[in-house]
Amino acid sequence: MQTQTNAKSHGALVQLRAWLAQNDPEQENRLPPERILCEKLGVTRGDLRKALSVLEKEGAIWRHVGKGTFVGTKPLDDMLSLPSIQHRTSPNEVMRTRILIEPLLAREAALHATQEDVAAMTMHMNLGRDADTWRQYEVQDNALHRVIALASANKLLLAIFDGLNAVRRAVVWGRLRQIPDRPPADHHSFAEHEAIVTAISERDLDGAEIAMQKHLRTVAQRLLEK
């Protein structure tokens, strides 16, 4: 029985590949609804779905809930949309991505930052140090990192940062809550933030990159220990 089931599933896959090779989807590379495809191919709904799943894993088709199944590679904007990615990533992936991207942003900021940028960094750094609650600290921490990204003077890098930051907030926001209710006076980020801002203000490209990497590795270690 299992052999027959596998044979039917394989047959559905072969027929689907052949149909795709001979037919151009009518609208926007969209495949017909499953009911119609089943009728065209003479297969069951279950076997068709197994065949579609194989092709999706191969990258030959992609599916969008509520819109249908499409031929080709999934568009980048669909792959990177916040509702799509936040359920498929993890705090570990988020932090690894931050460690790859934000040190480069700090390096670029050290090259391009204006006096106004450095003043804004210093303001958010000091407000974070004086925060009365973790929530207040996190708001200032987020603002500081975005000013650094903005100071890179690269709109594409800033857009990448904003996308990553949106995912970070959705995936790991609030995971660093601790007791007491506010960051302790010796919280590691205070000195690390100061090292980053100082390096940027002194146009120390290597120092800014290294300081940001060190900071994010500490954040990752504390976060992933939870």
Protein backbone atom coordinates (compact mmCIF):
# COMPACT_ATOMS: atom_id res chain seq x y z
CA MET A 1 0.00 0.00 0.00
CA GLN A 2 2.83 2.38 0.90
CA THR A 3 4.56 1.55 -2.37
CA GLN A 4 1.39 2.36 -4.32
CA THR A 5 1.00 5.67 -2.47
CA ASN A 6 4.60 6.64 -3.22
CA ALA A 7 4.18 5.67 -6.85
CA LYS A 8 1.05 7.86 -7.15
CA SER A 9 2.83 10.80 -5.53
CA HIS A 10 5.79 10.38 -7.86
CA GLY A 11 3.43 10.10 -10.82
CA ALA A 12 1.74 13.36 -9.80
CA LEU A 13 5.14 15.05 -9.62
CA VAL A 14 6.13 13.79 -13.08
CA GLN A 15 2.82 14.94 -14.55
CA LEU A 16 3.07 18.34 -12.89
CA ARG A 17 6.61 18.87 -14.20
CA ALA A 18 5.45 17.91 -17.70
CA TRP A 19 2.45 20.24 -17.51
CA LEU A 20 4.63 23.16 -16.37
CA ALA A 21 7.05 22.50 -19.23
CA GLN A 22 4.25 22.65 -21.80
CA ASN A 23 2.03 25.38 -20.39
CA ASP A 24 2.52 29.03 -19.52
CA PRO A 25 0.46 30.13 -16.51
CA GLU A 26 -2.17 32.59 -17.62
CA GLN A 27 -1.78 35.42 -15.10
CA GLU A 28 1.40 36.70 -13.42
CA ASN A 29 2.93 33.19 -13.54
CA ARG A 30 0.11 31.99 -11.30
CA LEU A 31 -0.90 28.34 -11.43
CA PRO A 32 -4.55 27.37 -11.73
CA PRO A 33 -6.36 26.55 -8.46
CA GLU A 34 -5.64 23.10 -7.03
CA ARG A 35 -9.08 21.79 -8.01
CA ILE A 36 -8.51 22.66 -11.66
CA LEU A 37 -4.95 21.32 -11.64
CA CYS A 38 -6.19 18.02 -10.22
CA GLU A 39 -8.69 17.74 -13.07
CA LYS A 40 -6.07 18.62 -15.70
CA LEU A 41 -3.52 16.14 -14.34
CA GLY A 42 -5.94 13.42 -13.22
CA VAL A 43 -4.47 13.25 -9.72
CA THR A 44 -5.84 13.52 -6.20
CA ARG A 45 -5.61 16.71 -4.13
CA GLY A 46 -3.25 15.00 -1.68
CA ASP A 47 -0.83 13.80 -4.38
CA LEU A 48 -0.90 17.21 -6.05
CA ARG A 49 0.00 18.96 -2.81
CA LYS A 50 2.94 16.58 -2.27
CA ALA A 51 4.17 17.37 -5.79
CA LEU A 52 3.77 21.11 -5.20
CA SER A 53 5.71 20.80 -1.96
CA VAL A 54 8.62 19.13 -3.78
CA LEU A 55 8.71 21.86 -6.42
CA GLU A 56 8.54 24.57 -3.78
CA LYS A 57 11.56 23.11 -1.97
CA GLU A 58 13.40 23.06 -5.29
CA GLY A 59 12.60 26.74 -5.83
CA ALA A 60 10.60 26.04 -9.00
CA ILE A 61 7.43 27.50 -7.53
CA TRP A 62 6.43 29.58 -4.53
CA ARG A 63 3.18 29.95 -2.62
CA HIS A 64 1.55 33.00 -1.09
CA VAL A 65 -1.28 32.35 1.35
CA GLY A 66 -4.48 33.91 0.05
CA LYS A 67 -3.02 34.70 -3.38
CA GLY A 68 -2.07 31.39 -4.94
CA THR A 69 0.88 29.40 -6.28
CA PHE A 70 3.37 30.99 -8.67
CA VAL A 71 6.08 29.72 -11.02
CA GLY A 72 9.64 30.88 -10.38
CA THR A 73 11.60 32.25 -7.42
CA LYS A 74 9.82 33.97 -4.57
CA PRO A 75 10.21 37.78 -4.86
CA LEU A 76 12.64 39.34 -2.41
CA ASP A 77 10.04 41.69 -0.95
CA ASP A 78 7.81 38.74 -0.09
CA MET A 79 10.70 36.79 1.45
CA LEU A 80 11.76 39.72 3.62
CA SER A 81 8.37 41.05 4.70
CA LEU A 82 8.16 41.38 8.48
CA PRO A 83 5.09 39.16 8.95
CA SER A 84 6.80 36.49 6.85
CA ILE A 85 10.28 36.51 8.36
CA GLN A 86 9.51 37.08 12.05
CA HIS A 87 7.89 33.65 12.33
CA ARG A 88 10.76 31.90 10.51
CA THR A 89 13.76 33.34 12.30
CA SER A 90 15.10 33.16 15.86
CA PRO A 91 16.92 35.33 18.42
CA ASN A 92 20.13 33.52 17.48
CA GLU A 93 19.75 34.39 13.78
CA VAL A 94 18.84 37.98 14.62
CA MET A 95 21.94 38.47 16.75
CA ARG A 96 24.25 36.79 14.23
CA THR A 97 22.89 39.10 11.54
CA ARG A 98 23.37 42.15 13.76
CA ILE A 99 26.97 41.12 14.41
CA LEU A 100 27.55 40.91 10.65
CA ILE A 101 25.91 44.23 9.74
CA GLU A 102 26.11 46.75 12.58
CA PRO A 103 29.90 46.79 12.99
CA LEU A 104 30.12 47.83 9.33
CA LEU A 105 27.56 50.56 10.00
CA ALA A 106 29.67 51.81 12.92
CA ARG A 107 32.73 51.84 10.65
CA GLU A 108 30.89 53.87 8.02
CA ALA A 109 29.57 56.18 10.74
CA ALA A 110 33.15 56.85 11.89
CA LEU A 111 33.91 57.95 8.34
CA HIS A 112 30.80 60.06 7.66
CA ALA A 113 29.26 61.18 10.99
CA THR A 114 28.63 64.89 11.44
CA GLN A 115 28.91 66.81 14.70
CA GLU A 116 25.12 66.70 14.90
CA ASP A 117 25.19 62.89 14.54
CA VAL A 118 27.72 62.54 17.36
CA ALA A 119 25.70 64.92 19.54
CA ALA A 120 22.57 62.80 18.97
CA MET A 121 24.50 59.61 19.80
CA THR A 122 25.79 61.19 23.00
CA MET A 123 22.31 62.35 23.98
CA HIS A 124 20.73 58.90 23.54
CA MET A 125 23.70 57.24 25.28
CA ASN A 126 23.29 59.51 28.32
CA LEU A 127 19.50 59.15 28.41
CA GLY A 128 19.94 55.38 28.34
CA ARG A 129 22.37 55.53 31.25
CA ASP A 130 19.86 57.66 33.24
CA ALA A 131 16.81 55.52 32.39
CA ASP A 132 14.48 54.67 35.27
CA THR A 133 13.09 51.52 33.65
CA TRP A 134 14.22 48.82 31.21
CA ARG A 135 11.62 50.07 28.75
CA GLN A 136 13.10 53.59 28.81
CA TYR A 137 16.60 52.17 28.40
CA GLU A 138 15.57 50.02 25.42
CA VAL A 139 13.97 53.01 23.68
CA GLN A 140 17.21 54.98 24.00
CA ASP A 141 19.34 51.97 23.04
CA ASN A 142 17.27 51.52 19.89
CA ALA A 143 17.54 55.23 19.09
CA LEU A 144 21.33 55.20 19.58
CA HIS A 145 21.85 52.28 17.21
CA ARG A 146 19.63 53.91 14.57
CA VAL A 147 21.52 57.22 14.77
CA ILE A 148 24.72 55.24 14.16
CA ALA A 149 23.11 53.62 11.12
CA LEU A 150 21.86 57.01 9.93
CA ALA A 151 25.34 58.47 10.34
CA SER A 152 26.67 55.92 7.83
CA ALA A 153 25.23 58.26 5.17
CA ASN A 154 24.14 55.23 3.16
CA LYS A 155 20.40 55.02 2.49
CA LEU A 156 20.53 51.36 1.43
CA LEU A 157 22.41 50.35 4.59
CA LEU A 158 19.93 52.35 6.65
CA ALA A 159 17.01 50.54 4.98
CA ILE A 160 18.66 47.19 5.72
CA PHE A 161 19.18 48.24 9.34
CA ASP A 162 15.54 49.33 9.68
CA GLY A 163 14.33 46.00 8.33
CA LEU A 164 16.61 44.07 10.64
CA ASN A 165 15.61 46.25 13.57
CA ALA A 166 11.91 45.66 12.91
CA VAL A 167 12.52 41.91 12.98
CA ARG A 168 14.66 42.25 16.12
CA ARG A 169 11.91 44.12 17.94
CA ALA A 170 9.32 41.52 16.93
CA VAL A 171 11.48 38.51 17.83
CA VAL A 172 13.55 39.47 20.85
CA TRP A 173 12.06 42.71 22.24
CA GLY A 174 11.83 42.45 25.99
CA ARG A 175 13.98 39.32 26.30
CA LEU A 176 16.62 41.18 28.30
CA ARG A 177 14.30 42.04 31.18
CA GLN A 178 16.05 41.55 34.49
CA ILE A 179 15.74 42.33 38.18
CA PRO A 180 15.89 45.10 39.38
CA ASP A 181 13.40 47.11 37.31
CA ARG A 182 16.07 49.31 35.74
CA PRO A 183 19.53 48.67 34.28
CA PRO A 184 22.15 48.41 37.03
CA ALA A 185 24.80 51.11 37.30
CA ASP A 186 27.44 48.73 35.95
CA HIS A 187 25.36 47.48 33.01
CA HIS A 188 27.79 46.34 30.32
CA SER A 189 26.20 48.44 27.56
CA PHE A 190 27.06 51.75 29.18
CA ALA A 191 30.83 51.40 28.78
CA GLU A 192 30.43 49.60 25.43
CA HIS A 193 28.21 52.35 24.01
CA GLU A 194 30.71 54.97 25.17
CA ALA A 195 33.54 53.13 23.42
CA ILE A 196 31.55 53.02 20.18
CA VAL A 197 30.58 56.70 20.25
CA THR A 198 34.10 57.77 21.21
CA ALA A 199 35.61 55.83 18.31
CA ILE A 200 33.10 57.33 15.88
CA SER A 201 33.75 60.86 17.15
CA GLU A 202 37.53 60.33 16.73
CA ARG A 203 37.13 58.99 13.17
CA ASP A 204 38.60 55.68 14.32
CA LEU A 205 37.14 53.32 11.73
CA ASP A 206 38.72 50.13 13.04
CA GLY A 207 37.98 51.08 16.65
CA ALA A 208 34.30 51.77 15.93
CA GLU A 209 33.88 48.47 14.09
CA ILE A 210 35.63 46.47 16.81
CA ALA A 211 33.76 48.23 19.63
CA MET A 212 30.37 47.55 18.01
CA GLN A 213 31.25 43.93 17.39
CA LYS A 214 32.37 43.49 21.01
CA HIS A 215 29.16 45.11 22.25
CA LEU A 216 26.87 42.93 20.14
CA ARG A 217 28.71 39.75 21.07
CA THR A 218 28.13 40.59 24.74
CA VAL A 219 24.45 41.30 24.04
CA ALA A 220 24.16 37.99 22.19
CA GLN A 221 25.82 36.07 25.00
CA ARG A 222 23.53 37.60 27.63
CA LEU A 223 20.43 37.12 25.48
CA LEU A 224 21.07 33.54 24.45
CA GLU A 225 21.95 32.48 28.00
CA LYS A 226 18.32 33.11 28.95
